[in-house]
Amino acid sequence: MHSPQNSILGSPRSWYVEDSSMMNLDDELSMLSASTEVNGIMTYEKKIKNFFFDPLMYPILFCCLIAIGSTEFFLANMGSILKNLHSTQLDKNLKLFSVTSTVTRLIIMLCTDPFCTYFQVSRLTLVALSVIACAVSHIYLSSSDISTINFKLVVICNAVLNSSVFTLFPAILASIYGIEILGTTWGLFSSASIVGNMLLNLTYSFDFTKNCVSTVDDTLVICSTMTFFISGLVILCFGSLVLLLKGKYLKRAKDFF
């Protein structure tokens, strides 16, 4: 669908059909994968090299790594968290997570393109804000008293972030590095969540040994408090860093087209 700007604000590319002889997408991608440049367009090998040697790629990569890992870790340990909070409403919170995630994806699908184009707000800003909101919810979960925890709010923040990352990141990567290498870029980013989850599970092993085996004290929010505090702090730093570098990412998106 047409977007007025070739940037991260709208669609990855704008297509203007002037005659019936326009090259179809399959032919263009085949030509872009060749070892020589076509009509001055950057080759596939050149785009891959630029992607892996681009220093701006790594803040987004680590942000995605820890963001997806944190939300998946939260979902996997929701039962034990609720047990620490003396709650038996696991089914209701799982339903809340699923409904929020689905609604978020629908809103992104229907509203993101016109919203970002009309208000000149980048998709990267939306993702960064959802990362920061989820980071605050993790710190809140690990620092507040058990009796005052609004667990539904934490569930909603994690669901929104999980959906935002999986729905918006492919479009962001296509805007910055091109749609021709999206399989490589998004494949790397989506698999990075495995590493993030492993790191958080490693941290959780120390929490489990120290706190979860013994009786949970009333002043301790959850037995995995250290894990969620660290995850919240890390994704807060990376979310803020991506937001600060937003201008550079927007410029890079324009340079690639």
C-alpha atoms as a PDB file:
ATOM      1  CA  MET A   1       0.000   0.000   0.000  1.00  0.00           C
ATOM      2  CA  HIS A   2       1.257   3.445  -0.882  1.00  0.00           C
ATOM      3  CA  SER A   3       2.952   5.559   1.744  1.00  0.00           C
ATOM      4  CA  PRO A   4       4.017   9.153   1.052  1.00  0.00           C
ATOM      5  CA  GLN A   5       7.522   8.648   2.456  1.00  0.00           C
ATOM      6  CA  ASN A   6      10.268   6.110   1.810  1.00  0.00           C
ATOM      7  CA  SER A   7      11.120   5.858   5.473  1.00  0.00           C
ATOM      8  CA  ILE A   8      10.457   4.059   8.672  1.00  0.00           C
ATOM      9  CA  LEU A   9       7.371   6.244   9.122  1.00  0.00           C
ATOM     10  CA  GLY A  10       5.323   4.459   6.485  1.00  0.00           C
ATOM     11  CA  SER A  11       5.603   1.370   4.324  1.00  0.00           C
ATOM     12  CA  PRO A  12       9.084   0.016   3.583  1.00  0.00           C
ATOM     13  CA  ARG A  13       8.835   1.117  -0.038  1.00  0.00           C
ATOM     14  CA  SER A  14       6.511   3.210  -2.192  1.00  0.00           C
ATOM     15  CA  TRP A  15       5.454   1.836  -5.561  1.00  0.00           C
ATOM     16  CA  TYR A  16       4.311   4.073  -8.393  1.00  0.00           C
ATOM     17  CA  VAL A  17       2.812   2.210 -11.339  1.00  0.00           C
ATOM     18  CA  GLU A  18       3.375   4.238 -14.495  1.00  0.00           C
ATOM     19  CA  ASP A  19       2.911   1.591 -17.165  1.00  0.00           C
ATOM     20  CA  SER A  20       2.191  -2.078 -17.657  1.00  0.00           C
ATOM     21  CA  SER A  21       5.848  -2.889 -18.321  1.00  0.00           C
ATOM     22  CA  MET A  22       6.827  -2.458 -14.671  1.00  0.00           C
ATOM     23  CA  MET A  23       9.038  -5.287 -13.395  1.00  0.00           C
ATOM     24  CA  ASN A  24       7.316  -7.635 -10.974  1.00  0.00           C
ATOM     25  CA  LEU A  25       8.671  -8.166  -7.470  1.00  0.00           C
ATOM     26  CA  ASP A  26      10.011 -11.698  -8.098  1.00  0.00           C
ATOM     27  CA  ASP A  27      12.119 -10.519 -11.026  1.00  0.00           C
ATOM     28  CA  GLU A  28      13.419  -7.530  -9.102  1.00  0.00           C
ATOM     29  CA  LEU A  29      14.424  -9.604  -6.073  1.00  0.00           C
ATOM     30  CA  SER A  30      16.185 -12.101  -8.357  1.00  0.00           C
ATOM     31  CA  MET A  31      18.158  -9.292  -9.957  1.00  0.00           C
ATOM     32  CA  LEU A  32      18.978  -7.760  -6.583  1.00  0.00           C
ATOM     33  CA  SER A  33      20.434 -11.100  -5.488  1.00  0.00           C
ATOM     34  CA  ALA A  34      22.924 -11.051  -8.360  1.00  0.00           C
ATOM     35  CA  SER A  35      26.584 -10.287  -7.737  1.00  0.00           C
ATOM     36  CA  THR A  36      26.508  -7.067  -9.765  1.00  0.00           C
ATOM     37  CA  GLU A  37      24.572  -3.873  -9.155  1.00  0.00           C
ATOM     38  CA  VAL A  38      21.423  -3.290 -11.190  1.00  0.00           C
ATOM     39  CA  ASN A  39      20.624   0.294 -12.182  1.00  0.00           C
ATOM     40  CA  GLY A  40      22.680   1.563  -9.246  1.00  0.00           C
ATOM     41  CA  ILE A  41      20.698  -0.481  -6.703  1.00  0.00           C
ATOM     42  CA  MET A  42      22.759  -2.016  -3.901  1.00  0.00           C
ATOM     43  CA  THR A  43      23.369  -5.747  -4.352  1.00  0.00           C
ATOM     44  CA  TYR A  44      22.245  -8.452  -1.945  1.00  0.00           C
ATOM     45  CA  GLU A  45      25.797  -9.185  -0.795  1.00  0.00           C
ATOM     46  CA  LYS A  46      26.442  -5.505  -0.159  1.00  0.00           C
ATOM     47  CA  LYS A  47      23.277  -5.142   1.914  1.00  0.00           C
ATOM     48  CA  ILE A  48      24.140  -8.199   4.016  1.00  0.00           C
ATOM     49  CA  LYS A  49      27.645  -6.854   4.629  1.00  0.00           C
ATOM     50  CA  ASN A  50      26.324  -3.426   5.578  1.00  0.00           C
ATOM     51  CA  PHE A  51      23.814  -5.019   7.938  1.00  0.00           C
ATOM     52  CA  PHE A  52      26.340  -7.094   9.879  1.00  0.00           C
ATOM     53  CA  PHE A  53      28.917  -4.292  10.056  1.00  0.00           C
ATOM     54  CA  ASP A  54      26.406  -1.592  10.972  1.00  0.00           C
ATOM     55  CA  PRO A  55      26.987  -0.469  14.597  1.00  0.00           C
ATOM     56  CA  LEU A  56      23.390   0.767  14.781  1.00  0.00           C
ATOM     57  CA  MET A  57      22.131  -2.760  14.285  1.00  0.00           C
ATOM     58  CA  TYR A  58      23.395  -4.011  17.635  1.00  0.00           C
ATOM     59  CA  PRO A  59      21.410  -1.765  20.018  1.00  0.00           C
ATOM     60  CA  ILE A  60      18.191  -2.866  18.287  1.00  0.00           C
ATOM     61  CA  LEU A  61      19.335  -6.488  18.268  1.00  0.00           C
ATOM     62  CA  PHE A  62      20.056  -6.553  22.005  1.00  0.00           C
ATOM     63  CA  CYS A  63      16.844  -4.647  22.709  1.00  0.00           C
ATOM     64  CA  CYS A  64      14.895  -7.286  20.774  1.00  0.00           C
ATOM     65  CA  LEU A  65      16.902 -10.076  22.422  1.00  0.00           C
ATOM     66  CA  ILE A  66      16.095  -9.062  25.980  1.00  0.00           C
ATOM     67  CA  ALA A  67      12.578  -7.742  25.253  1.00  0.00           C
ATOM     68  CA  ILE A  68      11.230 -10.967  23.758  1.00  0.00           C
ATOM     69  CA  GLY A  69      13.202 -13.057  26.241  1.00  0.00           C
ATOM     70  CA  SER A  70      11.739 -11.112  29.162  1.00  0.00           C
ATOM     71  CA  THR A  71       8.129 -11.422  28.024  1.00  0.00           C
ATOM     72  CA  GLU A  72       8.513 -15.138  27.326  1.00  0.00           C
ATOM     73  CA  PHE A  73      10.204 -15.664  30.684  1.00  0.00           C
ATOM     74  CA  PHE A  74       7.357 -13.795  32.372  1.00  0.00           C
ATOM     75  CA  LEU A  75       4.738 -15.924  30.612  1.00  0.00           C
ATOM     76  CA  ALA A  76       6.556 -19.182  31.428  1.00  0.00           C
ATOM     77  CA  ASN A  77       6.803 -18.289  35.139  1.00  0.00           C
ATOM     78  CA  MET A  78       3.400 -16.682  35.585  1.00  0.00           C
ATOM     79  CA  GLY A  79       2.145 -19.594  37.684  1.00  0.00           C
ATOM     80  CA  SER A  80       4.988 -19.396  40.201  1.00  0.00           C
ATOM     81  CA  ILE A  81       4.649 -15.599  40.416  1.00  0.00           C
ATOM     82  CA  LEU A  82       0.943 -15.873  41.206  1.00  0.00           C
ATOM     83  CA  LYS A  83       1.720 -18.485  43.838  1.00  0.00           C
ATOM     84  CA  ASN A  84       4.112 -16.012  45.491  1.00  0.00           C
ATOM     85  CA  LEU A  85       1.348 -13.411  45.318  1.00  0.00           C
ATOM     86  CA  HIS A  86      -1.061 -15.881  46.964  1.00  0.00           C
ATOM     87  CA  SER A  87      -3.323 -15.900  43.908  1.00  0.00           C
ATOM     88  CA  THR A  88      -4.973 -18.791  42.070  1.00  0.00           C
ATOM     89  CA  GLN A  89      -6.124 -16.823  39.026  1.00  0.00           C
ATOM     90  CA  LEU A  90      -3.667 -18.267  36.523  1.00  0.00           C
ATOM     91  CA  ASP A  91      -6.386 -19.050  33.972  1.00  0.00           C
ATOM     92  CA  LYS A  92      -7.781 -15.505  34.068  1.00  0.00           C
ATOM     93  CA  ASN A  93      -4.360 -13.925  33.677  1.00  0.00           C
ATOM     94  CA  LEU A  94      -3.469 -16.218  30.781  1.00  0.00           C
ATOM     95  CA  LYS A  95      -6.723 -15.205  29.086  1.00  0.00           C
ATOM     96  CA  LEU A  96      -5.899 -11.549  29.728  1.00  0.00           C
ATOM     97  CA  PHE A  97      -2.459 -12.019  28.165  1.00  0.00           C
ATOM     98  CA  SER A  98      -3.929 -13.741  25.089  1.00  0.00           C
ATOM     99  CA  VAL A  99      -6.719 -11.217  24.576  1.00  0.00           C
ATOM    100  CA  THR A 100      -4.402  -8.227  25.046  1.00  0.00           C
ATOM    101  CA  SER A 101      -1.861  -9.710  22.650  1.00  0.00           C
ATOM    102  CA  THR A 102      -4.501 -10.346  19.979  1.00  0.00           C
ATOM    103  CA  VAL A 103      -6.111  -6.922  20.341  1.00  0.00           C
ATOM    104  CA  THR A 104      -2.680  -5.247  20.168  1.00  0.00           C
ATOM    105  CA  ARG A 105      -1.874  -7.027  16.910  1.00  0.00           C
ATOM    106  CA  LEU A 106      -5.214  -6.020  15.415  1.00  0.00           C
ATOM    107  CA  ILE A 107      -4.720  -2.388  16.427  1.00  0.00           C
ATOM    108  CA  ILE A 108      -1.219  -2.381  14.959  1.00  0.00           C
ATOM    109  CA  MET A 109      -2.486  -3.965  11.743  1.00  0.00           C
ATOM    110  CA  LEU A 110      -5.333  -1.483  11.276  1.00  0.00           C
ATOM    111  CA  CYS A 111      -3.951   1.748  12.724  1.00  0.00           C
ATOM    112  CA  THR A 112      -0.149   1.858  12.625  1.00  0.00           C
ATOM    113  CA  ASP A 113       0.384   2.970   9.020  1.00  0.00           C
ATOM    114  CA  PRO A 114      -2.165   5.831   8.989  1.00  0.00           C
ATOM    115  CA  PHE A 115      -1.268   6.864  12.548  1.00  0.00           C
ATOM    116  CA  CYS A 116       2.485   6.996  11.913  1.00  0.00           C
ATOM    117  CA  THR A 117       2.050   8.811   8.599  1.00  0.00           C
ATOM    118  CA  TYR A 118      -0.485  11.356   9.844  1.00  0.00           C
ATOM    119  CA  PHE A 119       1.195  12.192  13.163  1.00  0.00           C
ATOM    120  CA  GLN A 120       4.779  11.704  11.901  1.00  0.00           C
ATOM    121  CA  VAL A 121       5.519   9.141  14.613  1.00  0.00           C
ATOM    122  CA  SER A 122       7.945   6.361  13.725  1.00  0.00           C
ATOM    123  CA  ARG A 123       7.274   2.707  14.390  1.00  0.00           C
ATOM    124  CA  LEU A 124      10.575   2.654  16.244  1.00  0.00           C
ATOM    125  CA  THR A 125       9.164   5.143  18.752  1.00  0.00           C
ATOM    126  CA  LEU A 126       6.135   2.910  19.377  1.00  0.00           C
ATOM    127  CA  VAL A 127       8.328  -0.132  19.973  1.00  0.00           C
ATOM    128  CA  ALA A 128      10.721   1.777  22.235  1.00  0.00           C
ATOM    129  CA  LEU A 129       7.837   3.130  24.328  1.00  0.00           C
ATOM    130  CA  SER A 130       6.346  -0.366  24.729  1.00  0.00           C
ATOM    131  CA  VAL A 131       9.793  -1.654  25.779  1.00  0.00           C
ATOM    132  CA  ILE A 132      10.165   1.091  28.373  1.00  0.00           C
ATOM    133  CA  ALA A 133       6.625   0.499  29.713  1.00  0.00           C
ATOM    134  CA  CYS A 134       7.305  -3.223  30.108  1.00  0.00           C
ATOM    135  CA  ALA A 135      10.656  -2.486  31.773  1.00  0.00           C
ATOM    136  CA  VAL A 136       8.933  -0.291  34.347  1.00  0.00           C
ATOM    137  CA  SER A 137       6.371  -3.072  34.983  1.00  0.00           C
ATOM    138  CA  HIS A 138       9.174  -5.585  35.678  1.00  0.00           C
ATOM    139  CA  ILE A 139      10.893  -3.229  38.101  1.00  0.00           C
ATOM    140  CA  TYR A 140       7.529  -2.557  39.715  1.00  0.00           C
ATOM    141  CA  LEU A 141       6.876  -6.309  40.033  1.00  0.00           C
ATOM    142  CA  SER A 142      10.245  -6.865  41.695  1.00  0.00           C
ATOM    143  CA  SER A 143      10.125  -3.880  44.048  1.00  0.00           C
ATOM    144  CA  SER A 144       6.579  -3.360  45.336  1.00  0.00           C
ATOM    145  CA  ASP A 145       4.924  -5.011  48.321  1.00  0.00           C
ATOM    146  CA  ILE A 146       2.924  -8.152  47.599  1.00  0.00           C
ATOM    147  CA  SER A 147      -0.291  -6.601  48.870  1.00  0.00           C
ATOM    148  CA  THR A 148      -0.074  -3.631  46.496  1.00  0.00           C
ATOM    149  CA  ILE A 149       0.858  -5.409  43.239  1.00  0.00           C
ATOM    150  CA  ASN A 150      -1.504  -4.779  40.330  1.00  0.00           C
ATOM    151  CA  PHE A 151      -0.611  -7.959  38.476  1.00  0.00           C
ATOM    152  CA  LYS A 152      -3.058  -7.393  35.611  1.00  0.00           C
ATOM    153  CA  LEU A 153      -1.179  -4.221  34.680  1.00  0.00           C
ATOM    154  CA  VAL A 154       2.077  -6.180  34.477  1.00  0.00           C
ATOM    155  CA  VAL A 155       0.377  -8.827  32.307  1.00  0.00           C
ATOM    156  CA  ILE A 156      -0.942  -6.165  29.901  1.00  0.00           C
ATOM    157  CA  CYS A 157       2.478  -4.472  29.569  1.00  0.00           C
ATOM    158  CA  ASN A 158       4.157  -7.793  28.729  1.00  0.00           C
ATOM    159  CA  ALA A 159       1.462  -8.747  26.218  1.00  0.00           C
ATOM    160  CA  VAL A 160       1.667  -5.369  24.457  1.00  0.00           C
ATOM    161  CA  LEU A 161       5.455  -5.576  24.200  1.00  0.00           C
ATOM    162  CA  ASN A 162       5.418  -9.150  22.925  1.00  0.00           C
ATOM    163  CA  SER A 163       2.923  -8.289  20.189  1.00  0.00           C
ATOM    164  CA  SER A 164       4.606  -5.000  19.294  1.00  0.00           C
ATOM    165  CA  VAL A 165       8.006  -6.611  18.799  1.00  0.00           C
ATOM    166  CA  PHE A 166       6.762  -9.460  16.606  1.00  0.00           C
ATOM    167  CA  THR A 167       4.443  -7.205  14.587  1.00  0.00           C
ATOM    168  CA  LEU A 168       6.461  -3.998  14.150  1.00  0.00           C
ATOM    169  CA  PHE A 169      10.083  -5.139  14.098  1.00  0.00           C
ATOM    170  CA  PRO A 170       9.916  -6.812  10.645  1.00  0.00           C
ATOM    171  CA  ALA A 171       8.609  -3.565   9.134  1.00  0.00           C
ATOM    172  CA  ILE A 172      11.297  -1.542  10.935  1.00  0.00           C
ATOM    173  CA  LEU A 173      14.062  -3.831   9.693  1.00  0.00           C
ATOM    174  CA  ALA A 174      12.685  -3.751   6.144  1.00  0.00           C
ATOM    175  CA  SER A 175      12.622   0.046   6.276  1.00  0.00           C
ATOM    176  CA  ILE A 176      16.204   0.317   7.507  1.00  0.00           C
ATOM    177  CA  TYR A 177      17.969  -2.537   5.696  1.00  0.00           C
ATOM    178  CA  GLY A 178      15.658  -3.360   2.792  1.00  0.00           C
ATOM    179  CA  ILE A 179      13.033  -5.989   2.170  1.00  0.00           C
ATOM    180  CA  GLU A 180      15.402  -8.106   0.073  1.00  0.00           C
ATOM    181  CA  ILE A 181      17.321  -9.344   3.148  1.00  0.00           C
ATOM    182  CA  LEU A 182      14.353  -9.457   5.517  1.00  0.00           C
ATOM    183  CA  GLY A 183      14.691 -13.234   5.869  1.00  0.00           C
ATOM    184  CA  THR A 184      18.201 -12.784   7.248  1.00  0.00           C
ATOM    185  CA  THR A 185      17.545  -9.707   9.383  1.00  0.00           C
ATOM    186  CA  TRP A 186      14.288 -10.817  10.983  1.00  0.00           C
ATOM    187  CA  GLY A 187      15.516 -14.416  11.269  1.00  0.00           C
ATOM    188  CA  LEU A 188      18.471 -13.201  13.333  1.00  0.00           C
ATOM    189  CA  PHE A 189      16.323 -10.910  15.476  1.00  0.00           C
ATOM    190  CA  SER A 190      13.557 -13.429  16.159  1.00  0.00           C
ATOM    191  CA  SER A 191      16.011 -16.181  17.102  1.00  0.00           C
ATOM    192  CA  ALA A 192      17.792 -13.783  19.460  1.00  0.00           C
ATOM    193  CA  SER A 193      14.939 -14.218  21.932  1.00  0.00           C
ATOM    194  CA  ILE A 194      16.237 -17.722  22.653  1.00  0.00           C
ATOM    195  CA  VAL A 195      19.488 -16.226  23.938  1.00  0.00           C
ATOM    196  CA  GLY A 196      17.610 -13.665  26.026  1.00  0.00           C
ATOM    197  CA  ASN A 197      15.469 -16.364  27.616  1.00  0.00           C
ATOM    198  CA  MET A 198      18.561 -18.476  28.379  1.00  0.00           C
ATOM    199  CA  LEU A 199      20.278 -15.546  30.109  1.00  0.00           C
ATOM    200  CA  LEU A 200      17.213 -14.840  32.238  1.00  0.00           C
ATOM    201  CA  ASN A 201      16.850 -18.523  33.152  1.00  0.00           C
ATOM    202  CA  LEU A 202      20.501 -18.524  34.221  1.00  0.00           C
ATOM    203  CA  THR A 203      19.798 -15.539  36.467  1.00  0.00           C
ATOM    204  CA  TYR A 204      16.666 -17.260  37.748  1.00  0.00           C
ATOM    205  CA  SER A 205      18.715 -20.273  38.834  1.00  0.00           C
ATOM    206  CA  PHE A 206      20.442 -18.068  41.436  1.00  0.00           C
ATOM    207  CA  ASP A 207      17.075 -16.661  42.511  1.00  0.00           C
ATOM    208  CA  PHE A 208      15.615 -20.132  42.828  1.00  0.00           C
ATOM    209  CA  THR A 209      18.483 -21.418  44.943  1.00  0.00           C
ATOM    210  CA  LYS A 210      18.469 -18.411  47.253  1.00  0.00           C
ATOM    211  CA  ASN A 211      14.786 -17.526  47.559  1.00  0.00           C
ATOM    212  CA  CYS A 212      12.359 -19.926  45.896  1.00  0.00           C
ATOM    213  CA  VAL A 213      13.412 -23.042  47.817  1.00  0.00           C
ATOM    214  CA  SER A 214      13.078 -21.313  51.172  1.00  0.00           C
ATOM    215  CA  THR A 215       9.945 -19.664  52.540  1.00  0.00           C
ATOM    216  CA  VAL A 216       9.116 -16.383  50.867  1.00  0.00           C
ATOM    217  CA  ASP A 217       9.301 -13.516  53.315  1.00  0.00           C
ATOM    218  CA  ASP A 218       6.443 -11.004  53.433  1.00  0.00           C
ATOM    219  CA  THR A 219       8.800  -8.203  52.454  1.00  0.00           C
ATOM    220  CA  LEU A 220       9.886 -10.048  49.313  1.00  0.00           C
ATOM    221  CA  VAL A 221       7.583  -9.559  46.363  1.00  0.00           C
ATOM    222  CA  ILE A 222       8.302 -12.745  44.442  1.00  0.00           C
ATOM    223  CA  CYS A 223      11.050 -15.325  44.753  1.00  0.00           C
ATOM    224  CA  SER A 224      12.312 -14.350  41.265  1.00  0.00           C
ATOM    225  CA  THR A 225      12.596 -10.704  42.281  1.00  0.00           C
ATOM    226  CA  MET A 226      16.263 -10.358  41.251  1.00  0.00           C
ATOM    227  CA  THR A 227      15.576 -11.792  37.785  1.00  0.00           C
ATOM    228  CA  PHE A 228      12.745  -9.375  37.053  1.00  0.00           C
ATOM    229  CA  PHE A 229      14.657  -6.434  38.465  1.00  0.00           C
ATOM    230  CA  ILE A 230      17.614  -7.200  36.186  1.00  0.00           C
ATOM    231  CA  SER A 231      15.398  -7.794  33.142  1.00  0.00           C
ATOM    232  CA  GLY A 232      13.518  -4.566  33.820  1.00  0.00           C
ATOM    233  CA  LEU A 233      16.718  -2.576  34.227  1.00  0.00           C
ATOM    234  CA  VAL A 234      18.323  -4.007  31.083  1.00  0.00           C
ATOM    235  CA  ILE A 235      15.332  -3.521  28.762  1.00  0.00           C
ATOM    236  CA  LEU A 236      14.846  -0.025  30.211  1.00  0.00           C
ATOM    237  CA  CYS A 237      18.422   0.860  29.225  1.00  0.00           C
ATOM    238  CA  PHE A 238      18.138  -0.602  25.723  1.00  0.00           C
ATOM    239  CA  GLY A 239      14.668   0.850  25.141  1.00  0.00           C
ATOM    240  CA  SER A 240      15.918   4.293  26.129  1.00  0.00           C
ATOM    241  CA  LEU A 241      19.032   3.873  23.965  1.00  0.00           C
ATOM    242  CA  VAL A 242      16.973   2.950  20.894  1.00  0.00           C
ATOM    243  CA  LEU A 243      14.719   5.944  21.532  1.00  0.00           C
ATOM    244  CA  LEU A 244      17.754   8.253  21.786  1.00  0.00           C
ATOM    245  CA  LEU A 245      19.187   6.847  18.534  1.00  0.00           C
ATOM    246  CA  LYS A 246      15.876   7.156  16.686  1.00  0.00           C
ATOM    247  CA  GLY A 247      17.110  10.015  14.504  1.00  0.00           C
ATOM    248  CA  LYS A 248      20.107   7.987  13.320  1.00  0.00           C
ATOM    249  CA  TYR A 249      17.865   5.028  12.442  1.00  0.00           C
ATOM    250  CA  LEU A 250      15.529   7.272  10.461  1.00  0.00           C
ATOM    251  CA  LYS A 251      18.497   8.713   8.579  1.00  0.00           C
ATOM    252  CA  ARG A 252      19.828   5.226   7.893  1.00  0.00           C
ATOM    253  CA  ALA A 253      16.430   4.192   6.517  1.00  0.00           C
ATOM    254  CA  LYS A 254      16.532   7.089   4.050  1.00  0.00           C
ATOM    255  CA  ASP A 255      20.132   6.323   3.053  1.00  0.00           C
ATOM    256  CA  PHE A 256      19.234   2.749   2.122  1.00  0.00           C
ATOM    257  CA  PHE A 257      16.650   3.850  -0.473  1.00  0.00           C
END
